[in-house]
N, C-alpha and C. Protein backbone atom coordinates (compact mmCIF):
# COMPACT_ATOMS: atom_id res chain seq x y z
N MET A 1 42.17 -30.92 -121.28
CA MET A 1 44.10 -31.24 -120.60
C MET A 1 44.61 -29.66 -120.60
N ASN A 2 44.13 -28.77 -121.95
CA ASN A 2 44.78 -27.55 -121.93
C ASN A 2 44.37 -26.75 -120.60
N ARG A 3 43.25 -26.42 -120.19
CA ARG A 3 42.88 -26.39 -119.03
C ARG A 3 43.47 -26.89 -117.39
N LYS A 4 43.90 -27.93 -117.89
CA LYS A 4 44.37 -28.54 -116.35
C LYS A 4 46.01 -27.96 -116.20
N LEU A 5 47.03 -28.39 -117.58
CA LEU A 5 48.01 -27.89 -118.14
C LEU A 5 47.58 -26.00 -117.55
N LEU A 6 46.79 -25.02 -117.81
CA LEU A 6 46.74 -23.76 -117.47
C LEU A 6 46.74 -23.57 -115.77
N ALA A 7 45.84 -24.56 -115.39
CA ALA A 7 45.30 -24.82 -113.81
C ALA A 7 46.65 -24.91 -112.62
N ILE A 8 47.58 -25.82 -113.57
CA ILE A 8 49.25 -26.10 -112.74
C ILE A 8 49.85 -25.23 -113.02
N LEU A 9 50.02 -24.35 -114.21
CA LEU A 9 50.77 -23.41 -114.11
C LEU A 9 50.24 -22.00 -113.54
N LEU A 10 49.52 -22.00 -113.53
CA LEU A 10 48.76 -20.60 -113.04
C LEU A 10 48.84 -20.93 -111.33
N CYS A 11 48.74 -22.00 -110.20
CA CYS A 11 49.12 -22.55 -109.45
C CYS A 11 50.38 -22.35 -108.79
N GLY A 12 51.62 -22.37 -109.91
CA GLY A 12 52.69 -22.47 -109.91
C GLY A 12 53.42 -21.10 -109.40
N VAL A 13 52.29 -20.04 -109.95
CA VAL A 13 52.64 -18.63 -110.03
C VAL A 13 51.87 -17.77 -108.94
N ALA A 14 50.46 -18.48 -108.73
CA ALA A 14 49.76 -17.88 -107.59
C ALA A 14 49.59 -18.23 -106.61
N CYS A 15 50.02 -19.87 -106.82
CA CYS A 15 50.11 -20.63 -105.13
C CYS A 15 51.75 -20.46 -104.33
N GLY A 16 51.99 -20.11 -104.85
CA GLY A 16 54.04 -20.02 -104.48
C GLY A 16 53.91 -18.20 -103.89
N PRO A 17 55.20 -18.10 -103.39
CA PRO A 17 56.00 -16.74 -103.65
C PRO A 17 55.79 -15.99 -105.01
N PRO A 18 55.54 -14.84 -104.85
CA PRO A 18 55.97 -14.16 -105.96
C PRO A 18 57.00 -14.22 -107.09
N ALA A 19 57.87 -13.62 -107.42
CA ALA A 19 58.83 -13.57 -108.11
C ALA A 19 59.11 -12.69 -107.91
N ASP A 20 58.62 -11.57 -107.54
CA ASP A 20 58.77 -9.69 -107.40
C ASP A 20 59.20 -10.07 -105.88
N PRO A 21 60.93 -9.96 -105.56
CA PRO A 21 61.26 -10.01 -103.63
C PRO A 21 59.98 -9.11 -103.28
N VAL A 22 59.63 -7.46 -103.59
CA VAL A 22 59.17 -6.93 -102.60
C VAL A 22 57.75 -7.22 -102.70
N LYS A 23 57.07 -7.77 -103.68
CA LYS A 23 55.82 -8.35 -103.54
C LYS A 23 55.70 -10.28 -102.59
N ALA A 24 56.95 -10.71 -102.57
CA ALA A 24 56.91 -11.75 -102.20
C ALA A 24 57.25 -10.97 -100.52
N TYR A 25 58.10 -9.86 -99.61
CA TYR A 25 58.00 -9.71 -98.75
C TYR A 25 56.33 -8.90 -98.72
N GLU A 26 55.74 -8.69 -98.61
CA GLU A 26 54.49 -7.97 -98.53
C GLU A 26 53.75 -9.62 -98.42
N VAL A 27 53.41 -10.78 -98.82
CA VAL A 27 52.92 -12.02 -98.74
C VAL A 27 53.58 -12.43 -97.35
N VAL A 28 54.76 -12.54 -97.64
CA VAL A 28 55.00 -13.30 -95.88
C VAL A 28 54.95 -12.18 -94.81
N TRP A 29 54.80 -10.72 -95.08
CA TRP A 29 54.60 -9.47 -93.89
C TRP A 29 53.28 -9.95 -93.51
N ARG A 30 52.41 -9.86 -94.58
CA ARG A 30 50.92 -10.71 -94.38
C ARG A 30 50.71 -11.79 -93.40
N ALA A 31 51.15 -12.91 -94.13
CA ALA A 31 51.11 -14.09 -93.61
C ALA A 31 51.95 -14.31 -91.59
N SER A 32 52.76 -13.39 -91.69
CA SER A 32 52.98 -13.31 -90.30
C SER A 32 52.00 -11.92 -89.35
N CYS A 33 51.26 -11.33 -90.14
CA CYS A 33 50.15 -10.71 -89.37
C CYS A 33 49.04 -11.47 -89.01
N ASP A 34 48.68 -12.55 -90.22
CA ASP A 34 48.08 -13.02 -89.89
C ASP A 34 47.59 -14.20 -88.51
N LYS A 35 49.27 -14.56 -88.92
CA LYS A 35 49.38 -15.54 -87.69
C LYS A 35 48.79 -15.00 -86.36
N VAL A 36 49.72 -13.87 -86.29
CA VAL A 36 49.25 -13.19 -84.98
C VAL A 36 48.14 -12.80 -84.80
N VAL A 37 47.90 -12.69 -85.41
CA VAL A 37 45.89 -12.17 -85.29
C VAL A 37 45.53 -13.40 -85.05
N GLU A 38 45.89 -14.62 -85.54
CA GLU A 38 45.03 -15.66 -85.16
C GLU A 38 45.90 -16.37 -83.59
N CYS A 39 46.59 -16.03 -83.44
CA CYS A 39 47.31 -16.80 -82.35
C CYS A 39 47.12 -16.01 -81.31
N VAL A 40 46.86 -14.58 -81.85
CA VAL A 40 46.86 -13.35 -80.53
C VAL A 40 46.43 -13.94 -78.75
N ASP A 41 45.25 -14.74 -78.91
CA ASP A 41 44.76 -15.09 -77.68
C ASP A 41 45.51 -16.34 -76.52
N GLU A 42 46.51 -17.41 -77.70
CA GLU A 42 47.32 -17.37 -76.97
C GLU A 42 48.78 -16.90 -75.97
N ALA A 43 49.12 -15.90 -76.56
CA ALA A 43 50.76 -14.93 -76.41
C ALA A 43 50.39 -15.01 -74.21
N ALA A 44 51.92 -15.02 -74.30
CA ALA A 44 51.71 -15.41 -72.86
C ALA A 44 52.17 -13.81 -72.58
N GLU A 45 51.35 -13.54 -71.28
CA GLU A 45 51.69 -12.28 -70.78
C GLU A 45 52.39 -11.57 -70.71
N PRO A 46 54.12 -12.19 -70.87
CA PRO A 46 55.00 -11.19 -71.03
C PRO A 46 55.11 -10.54 -72.13
N THR A 47 54.49 -11.20 -72.99
CA THR A 47 54.73 -10.55 -74.94
C THR A 47 53.68 -9.60 -75.05
N TRP A 48 52.69 -9.33 -74.10
CA TRP A 48 51.66 -9.06 -74.62
C TRP A 48 52.18 -7.20 -75.05
N ASP A 49 52.64 -6.38 -74.77
CA ASP A 49 53.06 -5.34 -74.88
C ASP A 49 53.51 -5.46 -76.15
N TRP A 50 54.64 -6.99 -76.73
CA TRP A 50 54.84 -6.54 -78.13
C TRP A 50 53.91 -7.09 -78.86
N VAL A 51 53.15 -7.89 -78.70
CA VAL A 51 52.24 -8.48 -79.22
C VAL A 51 51.01 -7.16 -79.81
N GLN A 52 50.62 -6.58 -79.34
CA GLN A 52 50.16 -5.26 -79.14
C GLN A 52 50.79 -4.73 -80.16
N THR A 53 52.49 -3.95 -79.97
CA THR A 53 52.60 -3.53 -81.03
C THR A 53 52.63 -4.03 -82.20
N ARG A 54 52.80 -5.35 -82.62
CA ARG A 54 52.92 -6.17 -83.70
C ARG A 54 51.19 -5.87 -84.40
N LEU A 55 50.11 -6.17 -83.52
CA LEU A 55 48.77 -5.95 -84.03
C LEU A 55 48.72 -4.64 -84.56
N ASP A 56 48.95 -3.28 -83.92
CA ASP A 56 49.30 -1.67 -84.22
C ASP A 56 49.86 -1.83 -85.88
N GLU A 57 51.01 -2.64 -85.82
CA GLU A 57 51.72 -2.44 -86.98
C GLU A 57 51.49 -2.95 -87.77
N CYS A 58 50.82 -4.35 -87.89
CA CYS A 58 49.76 -4.77 -89.10
C CYS A 58 48.90 -4.56 -89.69
N ALA A 59 48.09 -3.54 -88.69
CA ALA A 59 47.19 -2.67 -89.06
C ALA A 59 47.16 -1.68 -89.52
N ALA A 60 48.32 -0.92 -89.14
CA ALA A 60 48.71 0.49 -90.28
C ALA A 60 49.42 0.09 -91.33
N SER A 61 49.92 -1.36 -91.86
CA SER A 61 50.69 -1.83 -92.80
C SER A 61 49.86 -2.34 -93.76
N GLY A 62 49.50 -0.94 -95.16
CA GLY A 62 49.05 -1.08 -96.28
C GLY A 62 49.80 -1.29 -97.31
N THR A 63 50.59 -0.60 -97.51
CA THR A 63 51.68 -0.24 -98.43
C THR A 63 53.06 -0.52 -98.50
N THR A 64 53.89 -0.61 -99.43
CA THR A 64 55.37 -0.65 -99.30
C THR A 64 55.85 0.46 -99.71
N ASP A 65 56.38 1.11 -98.94
CA ASP A 65 57.69 2.49 -99.46
C ASP A 65 57.73 2.16 -100.71
N GLU A 66 57.67 3.07 -101.19
CA GLU A 66 57.97 2.67 -102.92
C GLU A 66 59.51 2.68 -103.26
N SER A 67 60.62 3.97 -102.45
CA SER A 67 61.57 4.36 -102.30
C SER A 67 62.52 3.09 -101.71
N TRP A 68 61.70 2.10 -100.44
CA TRP A 68 62.26 0.85 -100.10
C TRP A 68 61.96 0.13 -101.29
N ALA A 69 61.24 -0.42 -101.73
CA ALA A 69 61.01 -1.31 -103.04
C ALA A 69 61.74 -1.64 -104.32
N ALA A 70 61.91 0.04 -104.56
CA ALA A 70 62.75 0.37 -105.73
C ALA A 70 64.39 0.09 -105.27
N SER A 71 64.67 0.54 -103.71
CA SER A 71 65.67 -0.03 -103.89
C SER A 71 66.34 -1.48 -103.47
N VAL A 72 65.26 -2.16 -103.04
CA VAL A 72 65.26 -3.72 -102.97
C VAL A 72 65.74 -4.43 -104.12
N ARG A 73 64.49 -3.85 -105.18
CA ARG A 73 64.65 -4.55 -106.74
C ARG A 73 66.06 -4.33 -106.94
N SER A 74 66.42 -3.34 -106.96
CA SER A 74 67.94 -2.49 -107.65
C SER A 74 68.53 -3.74 -107.06
N GLY A 75 68.90 -3.81 -105.62
CA GLY A 75 69.92 -4.62 -104.93
C GLY A 75 70.32 -6.11 -105.13
N VAL A 76 68.63 -6.62 -105.88
CA VAL A 76 68.47 -7.86 -106.13
C VAL A 76 69.42 -8.19 -107.57
N GLU A 77 68.85 -7.32 -108.36
CA GLU A 77 68.97 -7.17 -109.59
C GLU A 77 70.73 -6.76 -109.66
N SER A 78 71.28 -6.61 -108.73
CA SER A 78 72.62 -6.08 -108.78
C SER A 78 73.53 -6.88 -108.24
N GLY A 79 72.79 -7.88 -107.41
CA GLY A 79 73.48 -8.96 -107.04
C GLY A 79 73.63 -9.02 -105.24
N ALA A 80 73.18 -7.27 -105.04
CA ALA A 80 73.43 -6.86 -103.37
C ALA A 80 72.76 -7.65 -102.31
N ILE A 81 71.30 -8.05 -103.05
CA ILE A 81 70.79 -8.48 -102.42
C ILE A 81 70.21 -10.30 -103.18
N ILE A 82 69.85 -11.32 -102.42
CA ILE A 82 69.56 -12.49 -102.35
C ILE A 82 68.25 -12.75 -102.36
N TYR A 83 67.12 -12.68 -103.31
CA TYR A 83 66.07 -13.43 -103.17
C TYR A 83 65.61 -14.71 -103.44
N ASP A 84 65.26 -15.68 -102.91
CA ASP A 84 65.40 -16.90 -102.72
C ASP A 84 63.50 -17.58 -102.49
N ARG A 85 63.32 -17.77 -103.76
CA ARG A 85 61.59 -18.30 -103.52
C ARG A 85 61.66 -19.34 -102.60
N ASP A 86 62.35 -20.41 -102.71
CA ASP A 86 62.45 -21.87 -101.77
C ASP A 86 62.41 -21.19 -100.33
N GLU A 87 63.42 -19.87 -100.42
CA GLU A 87 63.03 -20.13 -98.32
C GLU A 87 61.81 -18.96 -98.55
N ALA A 88 61.30 -18.16 -99.51
CA ALA A 88 60.07 -17.90 -98.84
C ALA A 88 58.75 -18.33 -98.81
N LYS A 89 58.88 -19.49 -99.63
CA LYS A 89 58.09 -20.64 -99.33
C LYS A 89 57.63 -21.19 -98.48
N ALA A 90 59.04 -21.43 -98.13
CA ALA A 90 59.73 -22.19 -96.32
C ALA A 90 58.42 -21.76 -95.36
N CYS A 91 59.11 -19.98 -95.42
CA CYS A 91 58.78 -19.55 -94.34
C CYS A 91 57.22 -19.33 -94.58
N LEU A 92 56.33 -19.42 -95.64
CA LEU A 92 55.14 -19.14 -95.48
C LEU A 92 54.10 -20.21 -95.21
N ASP A 93 55.14 -21.69 -95.71
CA ASP A 93 54.37 -22.95 -94.90
C ASP A 93 54.84 -23.12 -93.41
N ALA A 94 55.99 -22.31 -93.15
CA ALA A 94 56.14 -22.24 -91.33
C ALA A 94 54.99 -21.60 -90.87
N TYR A 95 54.24 -20.62 -91.22
CA TYR A 95 53.14 -19.78 -90.63
C TYR A 95 52.16 -20.56 -90.75
N LYS A 96 52.16 -20.99 -91.95
CA LYS A 96 50.90 -21.66 -91.99
C LYS A 96 50.54 -23.53 -91.42
N GLU A 97 51.57 -23.68 -90.88
CA GLU A 97 51.76 -25.18 -90.53
C GLU A 97 51.73 -24.99 -88.90
N SER A 98 52.52 -24.05 -88.21
CA SER A 98 52.56 -24.10 -87.16
C SER A 98 51.57 -23.77 -85.84
N ASP A 99 51.32 -24.31 -84.77
CA ASP A 99 50.11 -24.48 -83.86
C ASP A 99 50.77 -22.76 -83.16
N CYS A 100 49.63 -22.18 -82.76
CA CYS A 100 49.44 -20.71 -82.08
C CYS A 100 50.84 -21.15 -80.46
N ILE A 101 50.85 -22.31 -80.13
CA ILE A 101 51.43 -22.09 -79.10
C ILE A 101 53.09 -21.92 -79.60
N PHE A 102 53.14 -23.18 -80.60
CA PHE A 102 54.64 -23.20 -81.11
C PHE A 102 55.06 -22.06 -82.02
N PHE A 103 54.06 -21.46 -82.36
CA PHE A 103 54.41 -19.40 -83.01
C PHE A 103 54.98 -18.48 -81.57
N TRP A 104 54.36 -18.98 -80.76
CA TRP A 104 54.98 -17.93 -79.22
C TRP A 104 56.27 -18.75 -78.88
N GLU A 105 56.60 -20.05 -78.73
CA GLU A 105 57.74 -20.16 -77.70
C GLU A 105 58.78 -20.32 -79.17
N ALA A 106 58.99 -20.60 -79.92
CA ALA A 106 59.66 -20.98 -80.75
C ALA A 106 60.10 -20.13 -81.84
N PRO A 107 61.81 -19.95 -82.13
CA PRO A 107 62.36 -18.72 -82.15
C PRO A 107 61.48 -18.71 -83.70
N PRO A 108 61.62 -18.38 -84.81
CA PRO A 108 61.06 -17.66 -85.91
C PRO A 108 61.93 -18.97 -87.27
N ASN A 109 60.96 -18.95 -87.90
CA ASN A 109 61.53 -19.93 -88.63
C ASN A 109 63.31 -19.39 -89.64
N PRO A 110 63.78 -19.96 -89.77
CA PRO A 110 64.96 -19.84 -90.27
C PRO A 110 64.73 -18.97 -91.53
N SER A 111 64.05 -19.19 -92.23
CA SER A 111 63.61 -19.47 -93.84
C SER A 111 63.06 -17.94 -94.43
N CYS A 112 62.62 -17.30 -92.75
CA CYS A 112 61.87 -15.93 -92.72
C CYS A 112 62.94 -15.12 -92.47
N GLU A 113 64.19 -14.99 -92.49
CA GLU A 113 65.24 -14.66 -92.73
C GLU A 113 66.17 -14.42 -93.65
N ASP A 114 65.87 -15.71 -94.26
CA ASP A 114 66.75 -15.91 -95.28
C ASP A 114 66.92 -16.04 -97.06
N TYR A 115 64.92 -15.41 -96.96
CA TYR A 115 64.74 -15.67 -97.93
C TYR A 115 65.40 -14.38 -99.14
N LEU A 116 65.85 -12.73 -98.22
CA LEU A 116 66.17 -11.85 -98.58
C LEU A 116 67.35 -11.77 -97.74
N ARG A 117 68.65 -12.09 -98.53
CA ARG A 117 69.89 -12.24 -97.75
C ARG A 117 70.81 -10.99 -98.34
N GLY A 118 71.29 -10.93 -97.67
CA GLY A 118 72.29 -9.09 -98.06
C GLY A 118 73.70 -9.68 -98.45
N THR A 119 74.52 -9.37 -98.95
CA THR A 119 75.85 -9.46 -99.34
C THR A 119 76.83 -8.83 -99.41
N VAL A 120 76.30 -7.60 -99.11
CA VAL A 120 77.38 -6.49 -99.03
C VAL A 120 77.67 -6.67 -97.66
N GLU A 121 79.33 -6.52 -97.43
CA GLU A 121 79.69 -6.46 -96.50
C GLU A 121 79.93 -5.29 -95.98
N CYS A 122 80.43 -5.51 -94.13
CA CYS A 122 80.72 -4.35 -93.05
C CYS A 122 81.36 -3.11 -93.86
N ALA A 123 80.98 -2.11 -93.31
CA ALA A 123 81.18 -0.52 -94.15
C ALA A 123 81.21 -0.06 -95.39
N GLU A 124 80.71 -0.96 -96.03
CA GLU A 124 80.54 -0.82 -97.46
C GLU A 124 79.04 -0.52 -97.89
N ALA A 125 78.74 0.59 -98.96
CA ALA A 125 77.89 1.32 -98.90
C ALA A 125 76.69 0.25 -99.43
N CYS A 126 75.79 0.87 -98.74
CA CYS A 126 74.21 0.56 -98.70
C CYS A 126 73.01 1.23 -98.65
N GLU A 127 72.16 0.60 -98.89
CA GLU A 127 70.52 1.53 -99.18
C GLU A 127 69.34 1.21 -98.78
N VAL A 128 69.23 0.00 -98.34
CA VAL A 128 68.59 -0.96 -97.04
C VAL A 128 69.07 -1.76 -96.35
N HIS A 129 68.85 -1.93 -95.11
CA HIS A 129 69.08 -3.24 -94.51
C HIS A 129 68.93 -4.49 -94.82
N GLU A 130 68.40 -4.55 -96.10
CA GLU A 130 68.20 -6.13 -96.80
C GLU A 130 69.79 -6.67 -97.28
N ALA A 131 70.66 -5.30 -98.19
CA ALA A 131 71.38 -5.35 -98.39
C ALA A 131 72.83 -5.95 -97.76
N CYS A 132 72.58 -5.91 -96.77
CA CYS A 132 73.62 -5.83 -95.45
C CYS A 132 73.93 -7.14 -95.45
N GLU A 133 74.89 -8.13 -95.18
CA GLU A 133 75.28 -9.26 -94.40
C GLU A 133 74.86 -9.43 -93.00
N SER A 134 75.24 -8.09 -92.36
CA SER A 134 74.78 -7.92 -91.36
C SER A 134 73.58 -7.91 -90.70
N GLY A 135 73.11 -7.03 -91.81
CA GLY A 135 70.55 -6.28 -92.22
C GLY A 135 70.89 -5.58 -91.45
N VAL A 136 71.72 -4.48 -90.97
CA VAL A 136 71.90 -3.39 -90.80
C VAL A 136 72.75 -2.12 -91.68
N CYS A 137 71.81 -1.47 -92.14
CA CYS A 137 72.41 -0.09 -93.05
C CYS A 137 72.19 1.29 -91.99
N ARG A 138 73.25 1.91 -91.79
CA ARG A 138 73.55 2.96 -91.21
C ARG A 138 74.20 4.21 -91.86
N ALA A 139 73.52 5.24 -92.18
CA ALA A 139 74.07 6.82 -92.66
C ALA A 139 75.09 6.01 -93.95
N GLY A 140 74.51 5.11 -94.48
CA GLY A 140 74.54 4.54 -95.80
C GLY A 140 75.54 3.48 -95.90
N LEU A 141 75.82 3.15 -94.62
CA LEU A 141 77.33 1.86 -94.97
C LEU A 141 76.49 0.75 -94.01
N CYS A 142 76.82 -0.49 -94.39
CA CYS A 142 76.79 -1.68 -93.73
C CYS A 142 77.52 -1.29 -92.41
N ASP A 143 76.34 -1.54 -91.48
CA ASP A 143 77.11 -1.68 -89.68
C ASP A 143 77.05 -3.46 -88.98
N CYS A 144 77.99 -3.67 -89.00
CA CYS A 144 78.32 -4.63 -88.08
C CYS A 144 78.67 -4.64 -86.52
N SER A 145 78.22 -3.28 -85.90
CA SER A 145 78.47 -3.16 -84.53
C SER A 145 77.74 -4.04 -83.78
N GLU A 146 76.72 -4.38 -83.65
CA GLU A 146 75.82 -4.67 -83.61
C GLU A 146 75.89 -6.50 -83.37
């Protein structure tokens, strides 16, 4: 009985997105890269340049910038960034469940954009894009011009 309970508890931790928002970002990024690799042969010709760029980014990406990671963690702690584990899980599930044709033709799952949400308004101070409601931090201020 204790082993079963331990297995359930461990799966709750290991099977879903991590509690740490930076680790969750890394898990989602890797799931996205895995799907690009899995589906590369299904990509339409007009997207080949983008696909190759993405494959290169995925191959080069092995670690997260520590300064960015610290800013994201600090932003979550201060409330400037909302980390939603349920949205991260929905994003991971969407990558896992989508077939390759749907992956290339459909817009990204909204959960993949919403698991890290910024609360900082336009022209307010920011350190990272994820802190801004607009998703753009330029020169230390949230930029809503786009």
